[in-house]
Amino acid sequence: MKRIAEYKKLFGVERQIELKPLKKAYRVLVKEWHPDKFQAGDERQAEAEIQSRRIIDGYHFLVSIAPETILANAEQYSKSINSGIADFQHKGMLLEITFMDGTTYEYFGVTKPVFIKMINSNKLNRFAKRSIYPNYTFRMAKRENVEA
């Protein structure tokens, strides 16, 4: 949740993430902090590289949790959550679930008590369908492994 708030603040997003204003803010920030804008040896060039990476990471992160993106990927998400849970791990307030189809999703704001209830549930996927999937902000972290 801290990461979401930090990126929203960076891009000036107040509540709901909309892709058009986000893209506009991204372009303005990239123009301002692009490393090529600064001469070699300029002390701000190193800062610009760090800021540039942060801006790019923040943009991709916010796009991945935007309602438009989630709606566009709803069919894939539905298939993944119905395939069953293969593995999961909890770090801080982030729950990462890998599904049987190979995709991995991150759920933000999942507290330790909710995670403990999930672990103690005798039907893991059923608990997640009722208590986690509809209640927490999520994004696809990794796609399924596709053999060449």
N, C-alpha and C. Protein backbone atom coordinates (compact mmCIF):
# COMPACT_ATOMS: atom_id res chain seq x y z
N MET A 1 0.82 -1.19 0.00
CA MET A 1 0.00 0.00 0.00
C MET A 1 0.87 1.26 0.00
N LYS A 2 1.99 1.18 0.69
CA LYS A 2 2.91 2.31 0.75
C LYS A 2 3.46 2.60 -0.66
N ARG A 3 3.75 1.55 -1.39
CA ARG A 3 4.28 1.68 -2.74
C ARG A 3 3.25 2.33 -3.66
N ILE A 4 2.00 1.93 -3.53
CA ILE A 4 0.93 2.51 -4.34
C ILE A 4 0.80 4.00 -4.05
N ALA A 5 0.78 4.34 -2.76
CA ALA A 5 0.64 5.75 -2.37
C ALA A 5 1.83 6.58 -2.86
N GLU A 6 3.02 6.01 -2.78
CA GLU A 6 4.21 6.72 -3.23
C GLU A 6 4.15 7.02 -4.73
N TYR A 7 3.76 6.03 -5.52
CA TYR A 7 3.68 6.24 -6.96
C TYR A 7 2.53 7.17 -7.34
N LYS A 8 1.41 7.07 -6.64
CA LYS A 8 0.29 7.98 -6.92
C LYS A 8 0.71 9.42 -6.65
N LYS A 9 1.46 9.63 -5.59
CA LYS A 9 1.93 10.97 -5.24
C LYS A 9 2.90 11.48 -6.31
N LEU A 10 3.80 10.61 -6.78
CA LEU A 10 4.77 10.97 -7.81
C LEU A 10 4.06 11.46 -9.08
N PHE A 11 2.99 10.79 -9.47
CA PHE A 11 2.28 11.12 -10.71
C PHE A 11 1.10 12.06 -10.50
N GLY A 12 0.84 12.44 -9.25
CA GLY A 12 -0.26 13.36 -8.98
C GLY A 12 -1.63 12.73 -9.14
N VAL A 13 -1.72 11.43 -8.94
CA VAL A 13 -3.00 10.72 -9.03
C VAL A 13 -3.65 10.77 -7.65
N GLU A 14 -4.90 11.24 -7.61
CA GLU A 14 -5.53 11.40 -6.31
C GLU A 14 -6.29 10.15 -5.87
N ARG A 15 -7.23 9.71 -6.63
CA ARG A 15 -8.03 8.55 -6.21
C ARG A 15 -7.91 7.41 -7.22
N GLN A 16 -8.80 7.40 -8.19
CA GLN A 16 -8.83 6.34 -9.19
C GLN A 16 -7.75 6.59 -10.25
N ILE A 17 -7.11 5.53 -10.67
CA ILE A 17 -6.06 5.65 -11.69
C ILE A 17 -6.71 5.59 -13.07
N GLU A 18 -6.54 6.65 -13.84
CA GLU A 18 -7.03 6.69 -15.21
C GLU A 18 -5.81 6.76 -16.12
N LEU A 19 -5.84 5.98 -17.19
CA LEU A 19 -4.65 5.83 -18.02
C LEU A 19 -4.24 7.10 -18.78
N LYS A 20 -5.19 7.86 -19.31
CA LYS A 20 -4.83 9.06 -20.08
C LYS A 20 -4.09 10.10 -19.24
N PRO A 21 -4.64 10.51 -18.08
CA PRO A 21 -3.89 11.48 -17.27
C PRO A 21 -2.56 10.92 -16.74
N LEU A 22 -2.54 9.63 -16.47
CA LEU A 22 -1.31 8.99 -16.01
C LEU A 22 -0.24 9.06 -17.08
N LYS A 23 -0.63 8.79 -18.31
CA LYS A 23 0.32 8.83 -19.43
C LYS A 23 0.84 10.25 -19.64
N LYS A 24 -0.04 11.23 -19.50
CA LYS A 24 0.36 12.63 -19.66
C LYS A 24 1.37 13.02 -18.58
N ALA A 25 1.08 12.64 -17.34
CA ALA A 25 2.00 12.95 -16.23
C ALA A 25 3.34 12.24 -16.43
N TYR A 26 3.28 11.01 -16.92
CA TYR A 26 4.49 10.22 -17.19
C TYR A 26 5.38 10.95 -18.21
N ARG A 27 4.78 11.42 -19.29
CA ARG A 27 5.55 12.11 -20.32
C ARG A 27 6.21 13.38 -19.79
N VAL A 28 5.47 14.13 -18.98
CA VAL A 28 6.02 15.36 -18.41
C VAL A 28 7.21 15.04 -17.50
N LEU A 29 7.04 14.03 -16.65
CA LEU A 29 8.12 13.65 -15.72
C LEU A 29 9.35 13.12 -16.46
N VAL A 30 9.12 12.31 -17.50
CA VAL A 30 10.25 11.76 -18.26
C VAL A 30 11.02 12.89 -18.95
N LYS A 31 10.31 13.85 -19.50
CA LYS A 31 11.00 14.99 -20.13
C LYS A 31 11.83 15.76 -19.12
N GLU A 32 11.28 15.91 -17.92
CA GLU A 32 11.98 16.67 -16.88
C GLU A 32 13.21 15.94 -16.35
N TRP A 33 13.12 14.61 -16.21
CA TRP A 33 14.18 13.84 -15.56
C TRP A 33 14.96 12.92 -16.49
N HIS A 34 14.85 13.07 -17.78
CA HIS A 34 15.58 12.18 -18.68
C HIS A 34 17.08 12.41 -18.51
N PRO A 35 17.87 11.34 -18.32
CA PRO A 35 19.32 11.47 -18.08
C PRO A 35 20.07 12.17 -19.22
N ASP A 36 19.59 12.04 -20.45
CA ASP A 36 20.26 12.68 -21.59
C ASP A 36 20.13 14.20 -21.56
N LYS A 37 19.24 14.70 -20.74
CA LYS A 37 19.03 16.13 -20.64
C LYS A 37 20.21 16.82 -19.92
N PHE A 38 20.96 16.05 -19.16
CA PHE A 38 22.05 16.59 -18.36
C PHE A 38 23.40 16.23 -18.99
N GLN A 39 24.34 17.13 -18.91
CA GLN A 39 25.67 16.92 -19.49
C GLN A 39 26.44 15.90 -18.66
N ALA A 40 27.39 15.22 -19.33
CA ALA A 40 28.26 14.28 -18.62
C ALA A 40 29.05 15.04 -17.56
N GLY A 41 29.12 14.49 -16.38
CA GLY A 41 29.83 15.13 -15.29
C GLY A 41 28.93 16.02 -14.43
N ASP A 42 27.73 16.30 -14.90
CA ASP A 42 26.79 17.10 -14.11
C ASP A 42 26.33 16.26 -12.92
N GLU A 43 26.35 16.87 -11.75
CA GLU A 43 25.98 16.14 -10.53
C GLU A 43 24.51 15.69 -10.55
N ARG A 44 23.68 16.36 -11.31
CA ARG A 44 22.27 15.98 -11.38
C ARG A 44 22.02 14.81 -12.33
N GLN A 45 23.02 14.43 -13.12
CA GLN A 45 22.84 13.33 -14.06
C GLN A 45 22.59 12.02 -13.32
N ALA A 46 23.33 11.76 -12.25
CA ALA A 46 23.14 10.54 -11.46
C ALA A 46 21.75 10.54 -10.81
N GLU A 47 21.36 11.70 -10.30
CA GLU A 47 20.02 11.82 -9.71
C GLU A 47 18.94 11.60 -10.77
N ALA A 48 19.19 12.12 -11.97
CA ALA A 48 18.24 11.96 -13.08
C ALA A 48 18.08 10.49 -13.47
N GLU A 49 19.17 9.74 -13.46
CA GLU A 49 19.08 8.31 -13.78
C GLU A 49 18.22 7.57 -12.76
N ILE A 50 18.41 7.88 -11.49
CA ILE A 50 17.63 7.24 -10.43
C ILE A 50 16.15 7.63 -10.56
N GLN A 51 15.91 8.92 -10.75
CA GLN A 51 14.53 9.40 -10.89
C GLN A 51 13.87 8.80 -12.13
N SER A 52 14.62 8.72 -13.21
CA SER A 52 14.09 8.16 -14.45
C SER A 52 13.65 6.71 -14.26
N ARG A 53 14.48 5.92 -13.59
CA ARG A 53 14.11 4.52 -13.31
C ARG A 53 12.88 4.45 -12.43
N ARG A 54 12.84 5.33 -11.43
CA ARG A 54 11.69 5.36 -10.51
C ARG A 54 10.40 5.73 -11.25
N ILE A 55 10.49 6.69 -12.17
CA ILE A 55 9.33 7.12 -12.95
C ILE A 55 8.84 5.98 -13.84
N ILE A 56 9.76 5.32 -14.51
CA ILE A 56 9.39 4.20 -15.40
C ILE A 56 8.76 3.07 -14.60
N ASP A 57 9.39 2.70 -13.49
CA ASP A 57 8.86 1.63 -12.64
C ASP A 57 7.48 2.01 -12.11
N GLY A 58 7.32 3.24 -11.64
CA GLY A 58 6.05 3.71 -11.11
C GLY A 58 4.95 3.70 -12.16
N TYR A 59 5.29 4.12 -13.37
CA TYR A 59 4.30 4.14 -14.44
C TYR A 59 3.81 2.73 -14.76
N HIS A 60 4.74 1.81 -14.94
CA HIS A 60 4.34 0.43 -15.26
C HIS A 60 3.55 -0.19 -14.12
N PHE A 61 3.94 0.12 -12.89
CA PHE A 61 3.22 -0.40 -11.73
C PHE A 61 1.78 0.12 -11.70
N LEU A 62 1.61 1.44 -11.84
CA LEU A 62 0.26 2.02 -11.79
C LEU A 62 -0.59 1.57 -12.95
N VAL A 63 0.00 1.41 -14.12
CA VAL A 63 -0.76 0.89 -15.27
C VAL A 63 -1.25 -0.52 -14.97
N SER A 64 -0.42 -1.33 -14.31
CA SER A 64 -0.80 -2.72 -14.04
C SER A 64 -1.94 -2.85 -13.03
N ILE A 65 -2.16 -1.83 -12.17
CA ILE A 65 -3.27 -1.91 -11.22
C ILE A 65 -4.43 -0.99 -11.60
N ALA A 66 -4.35 -0.34 -12.73
CA ALA A 66 -5.43 0.55 -13.19
C ALA A 66 -6.67 -0.27 -13.52
N PRO A 67 -7.85 0.27 -13.21
CA PRO A 67 -9.10 -0.45 -13.50
C PRO A 67 -9.25 -0.86 -14.97
N GLU A 68 -8.78 0.00 -15.88
CA GLU A 68 -8.87 -0.33 -17.31
C GLU A 68 -8.04 -1.57 -17.65
N THR A 69 -6.87 -1.68 -17.06
CA THR A 69 -5.99 -2.82 -17.29
C THR A 69 -6.60 -4.08 -16.69
N ILE A 70 -7.11 -3.96 -15.48
CA ILE A 70 -7.74 -5.10 -14.81
C ILE A 70 -8.95 -5.59 -15.60
N LEU A 71 -9.75 -4.67 -16.10
CA LEU A 71 -10.92 -5.04 -16.90
C LEU A 71 -10.50 -5.73 -18.20
N ALA A 72 -9.46 -5.23 -18.84
CA ALA A 72 -8.97 -5.82 -20.09
C ALA A 72 -8.44 -7.24 -19.87
N ASN A 73 -7.91 -7.52 -18.68
CA ASN A 73 -7.34 -8.83 -18.39
C ASN A 73 -8.25 -9.70 -17.53
N ALA A 74 -9.51 -9.34 -17.41
CA ALA A 74 -10.45 -10.05 -16.53
C ALA A 74 -10.61 -11.53 -16.91
N GLU A 75 -10.66 -11.82 -18.18
CA GLU A 75 -10.85 -13.22 -18.62
C GLU A 75 -9.65 -14.08 -18.21
N GLN A 76 -8.45 -13.59 -18.44
CA GLN A 76 -7.23 -14.31 -18.05
C GLN A 76 -7.18 -14.49 -16.54
N TYR A 77 -7.54 -13.45 -15.80
CA TYR A 77 -7.53 -13.50 -14.34
C TYR A 77 -8.52 -14.55 -13.84
N SER A 78 -9.69 -14.57 -14.43
CA SER A 78 -10.71 -15.55 -14.04
C SER A 78 -10.23 -16.98 -14.27
N LYS A 79 -9.58 -17.22 -15.40
CA LYS A 79 -9.03 -18.54 -15.69
C LYS A 79 -7.96 -18.92 -14.66
N SER A 80 -7.12 -17.95 -14.31
CA SER A 80 -6.04 -18.22 -13.36
C SER A 80 -6.58 -18.58 -11.99
N ILE A 81 -7.51 -17.78 -11.46
CA ILE A 81 -8.00 -18.05 -10.10
C ILE A 81 -8.82 -19.33 -10.03
N ASN A 82 -9.39 -19.74 -11.14
CA ASN A 82 -10.15 -20.99 -11.16
C ASN A 82 -9.28 -22.21 -11.39
N SER A 83 -8.01 -21.99 -11.75
CA SER A 83 -7.11 -23.13 -11.98
C SER A 83 -6.59 -23.71 -10.67
N GLY A 84 -6.71 -22.97 -9.59
CA GLY A 84 -6.24 -23.44 -8.29
C GLY A 84 -4.92 -22.81 -7.91
N ILE A 85 -4.63 -22.83 -6.62
CA ILE A 85 -3.41 -22.22 -6.09
C ILE A 85 -2.30 -23.25 -6.04
N ALA A 86 -1.17 -22.94 -6.65
CA ALA A 86 -0.01 -23.83 -6.63
C ALA A 86 0.93 -23.47 -5.48
N ASP A 87 1.13 -22.18 -5.24
CA ASP A 87 2.06 -21.74 -4.20
C ASP A 87 1.68 -20.32 -3.78
N PHE A 88 2.10 -19.91 -2.58
CA PHE A 88 1.85 -18.56 -2.12
C PHE A 88 2.87 -18.18 -1.07
N GLN A 89 3.09 -16.88 -0.93
CA GLN A 89 3.97 -16.38 0.13
C GLN A 89 3.52 -14.99 0.53
N HIS A 90 3.79 -14.65 1.77
CA HIS A 90 3.36 -13.38 2.35
C HIS A 90 4.57 -12.64 2.88
N LYS A 91 4.74 -11.38 2.44
CA LYS A 91 5.84 -10.54 2.91
C LYS A 91 5.25 -9.19 3.27
N GLY A 92 5.30 -8.84 4.54
CA GLY A 92 4.74 -7.56 4.97
C GLY A 92 3.24 -7.54 4.72
N MET A 93 2.81 -6.69 3.82
CA MET A 93 1.39 -6.58 3.48
C MET A 93 1.14 -7.04 2.04
N LEU A 94 2.06 -7.80 1.49
CA LEU A 94 1.96 -8.28 0.11
C LEU A 94 1.81 -9.79 0.11
N LEU A 95 0.75 -10.26 -0.53
CA LEU A 95 0.53 -11.70 -0.70
C LEU A 95 0.75 -12.02 -2.17
N GLU A 96 1.66 -12.94 -2.43
CA GLU A 96 1.96 -13.35 -3.80
C GLU A 96 1.43 -14.77 -3.99
N ILE A 97 0.53 -14.94 -4.95
CA ILE A 97 -0.06 -16.25 -5.21
C ILE A 97 0.30 -16.70 -6.61
N THR A 98 0.85 -17.91 -6.70
CA THR A 98 1.13 -18.53 -7.99
C THR A 98 0.05 -19.57 -8.23
N PHE A 99 -0.57 -19.50 -9.38
CA PHE A 99 -1.68 -20.40 -9.71
C PHE A 99 -1.18 -21.59 -10.52
N MET A 100 -2.02 -22.60 -10.62
CA MET A 100 -1.67 -23.83 -11.33
C MET A 100 -1.35 -23.59 -12.80
N ASP A 101 -1.90 -22.52 -13.40
CA ASP A 101 -1.60 -22.24 -14.81
C ASP A 101 -0.27 -21.52 -14.98
N GLY A 102 0.43 -21.25 -13.87
CA GLY A 102 1.77 -20.66 -13.93
C GLY A 102 1.82 -19.16 -13.73
N THR A 103 0.67 -18.48 -13.73
CA THR A 103 0.69 -17.04 -13.53
C THR A 103 0.80 -16.72 -12.04
N THR A 104 1.38 -15.56 -11.75
CA THR A 104 1.55 -15.11 -10.37
C THR A 104 0.93 -13.73 -10.24
N TYR A 105 0.14 -13.55 -9.21
CA TYR A 105 -0.49 -12.27 -8.91
C TYR A 105 -0.06 -11.79 -7.54
N GLU A 106 0.06 -10.47 -7.39
CA GLU A 106 0.38 -9.86 -6.11
C GLU A 106 -0.88 -9.17 -5.60
N TYR A 107 -1.18 -9.37 -4.32
CA TYR A 107 -2.33 -8.74 -3.67
C TYR A 107 -1.79 -7.81 -2.59
N PHE A 108 -2.19 -6.54 -2.63
CA PHE A 108 -1.65 -5.51 -1.75
C PHE A 108 -2.56 -5.25 -0.57
N GLY A 109 -1.96 -5.10 0.61
CA GLY A 109 -2.71 -4.75 1.81
C GLY A 109 -3.23 -5.94 2.59
N VAL A 110 -2.77 -7.14 2.27
CA VAL A 110 -3.22 -8.34 2.98
C VAL A 110 -2.48 -8.41 4.32
N THR A 111 -3.24 -8.32 5.39
CA THR A 111 -2.65 -8.32 6.73
C THR A 111 -2.27 -9.73 7.15
N LYS A 112 -1.43 -9.81 8.16
CA LYS A 112 -1.00 -11.11 8.68
C LYS A 112 -2.18 -11.93 9.22
N PRO A 113 -3.13 -11.35 9.96
CA PRO A 113 -4.28 -12.15 10.42
C PRO A 113 -5.09 -12.78 9.28
N VAL A 114 -5.27 -12.03 8.19
CA VAL A 114 -5.99 -12.59 7.03
C VAL A 114 -5.18 -13.71 6.42
N PHE A 115 -3.87 -13.53 6.32
CA PHE A 115 -3.00 -14.57 5.77
C PHE A 115 -3.06 -15.83 6.64
N ILE A 116 -3.04 -15.66 7.96
CA ILE A 116 -3.12 -16.81 8.87
C ILE A 116 -4.45 -17.54 8.70
N LYS A 117 -5.54 -16.78 8.53
CA LYS A 117 -6.84 -17.41 8.28
C LYS A 117 -6.80 -18.22 6.98
N MET A 118 -6.12 -17.67 5.99
CA MET A 118 -6.01 -18.37 4.70
C MET A 118 -5.24 -19.68 4.88
N ILE A 119 -4.13 -19.63 5.59
CA ILE A 119 -3.32 -20.83 5.82
C ILE A 119 -4.12 -21.89 6.57
N ASN A 120 -4.88 -21.45 7.57
CA ASN A 120 -5.64 -22.38 8.40
C ASN A 120 -6.93 -22.88 7.75
N SER A 121 -7.28 -22.30 6.63
CA SER A 121 -8.49 -22.73 5.93
C SER A 121 -8.27 -24.11 5.32
N ASN A 122 -9.28 -24.96 5.43
CA ASN A 122 -9.14 -26.30 4.85
C ASN A 122 -9.37 -26.28 3.33
N LYS A 123 -9.97 -25.23 2.82
CA LYS A 123 -10.15 -25.07 1.37
C LYS A 123 -9.54 -23.73 0.98
N LEU A 124 -8.29 -23.77 0.62
CA LEU A 124 -7.48 -22.60 0.35
C LEU A 124 -8.08 -21.70 -0.74
N ASN A 125 -8.38 -22.28 -1.89
CA ASN A 125 -8.88 -21.49 -3.01
C ASN A 125 -10.27 -20.92 -2.70
N ARG A 126 -11.08 -21.66 -2.00
CA ARG A 126 -12.41 -21.17 -1.63
C ARG A 126 -12.29 -19.96 -0.71
N PHE A 127 -11.41 -20.03 0.28
CA PHE A 127 -11.18 -18.90 1.16
C PHE A 127 -10.70 -17.68 0.36
N ALA A 128 -9.74 -17.91 -0.53
CA ALA A 128 -9.19 -16.81 -1.33
C ALA A 128 -10.25 -16.19 -2.22
N LYS A 129 -11.12 -17.01 -2.82
CA LYS A 129 -12.18 -16.48 -3.68
C LYS A 129 -13.15 -15.60 -2.91
N ARG A 130 -13.37 -15.92 -1.65
CA ARG A 130 -14.32 -15.15 -0.84
C ARG A 130 -13.67 -13.96 -0.13
N SER A 131 -12.44 -14.11 0.32
CA SER A 131 -11.85 -13.10 1.19
C SER A 131 -10.70 -12.30 0.59
N ILE A 132 -10.05 -12.82 -0.42
CA ILE A 132 -8.86 -12.12 -0.94
C ILE A 132 -9.11 -11.55 -2.34
N TYR A 133 -9.48 -12.37 -3.28
CA TYR A 133 -9.61 -11.91 -4.66
C TYR A 133 -10.52 -10.68 -4.81
N PRO A 134 -11.71 -10.65 -4.18
CA PRO A 134 -12.58 -9.48 -4.40
C PRO A 134 -12.25 -8.26 -3.54
N ASN A 135 -11.40 -8.42 -2.53
CA ASN A 135 -11.22 -7.35 -1.55
C ASN A 135 -9.90 -6.60 -1.61
N TYR A 136 -8.95 -7.06 -2.38
CA TYR A 136 -7.63 -6.44 -2.38
C TYR A 136 -7.21 -6.02 -3.78
N THR A 137 -6.46 -4.91 -3.83
CA THR A 137 -5.87 -4.46 -5.09
C THR A 137 -4.84 -5.49 -5.53
N PHE A 138 -4.85 -5.83 -6.82
CA PHE A 138 -3.91 -6.85 -7.30
C PHE A 138 -3.33 -6.46 -8.64
N ARG A 139 -2.26 -7.15 -8.98
CA ARG A 139 -1.67 -7.00 -10.31
C ARG A 139 -0.97 -8.30 -10.69
N MET A 140 -0.85 -8.52 -11.98
CA MET A 140 -0.13 -9.70 -12.45
C MET A 140 1.34 -9.43 -12.29
N ALA A 141 2.03 -10.32 -11.57
CA ALA A 141 3.45 -10.15 -11.35
C ALA A 141 4.26 -10.89 -12.39
N LYS A 142 3.84 -12.11 -12.71
CA LYS A 142 4.56 -12.92 -13.69
C LYS A 142 3.54 -13.69 -14.53
N ARG A 143 3.87 -13.80 -15.80
CA ARG A 143 3.01 -14.58 -16.69
C ARG A 143 3.41 -16.04 -16.62
N GLU A 144 2.53 -16.86 -17.16
CA GLU A 144 2.82 -18.29 -17.17
C GLU A 144 4.04 -18.59 -18.04
N ASN A 145 4.74 -19.62 -17.71
CA ASN A 145 5.90 -20.03 -18.50
C ASN A 145 5.42 -20.68 -19.78
N VAL A 146 5.88 -20.17 -20.90
CA VAL A 146 5.49 -20.70 -22.21
C VAL A 146 6.73 -21.34 -22.82
N GLU A 147 6.62 -22.62 -23.17
CA GLU A 147 7.75 -23.31 -23.77
C GLU A 147 7.87 -22.94 -25.23
N ALA A 148 9.11 -22.74 -25.67
CA ALA A 148 9.35 -22.33 -27.07
C ALA A 148 9.36 -23.53 -27.98
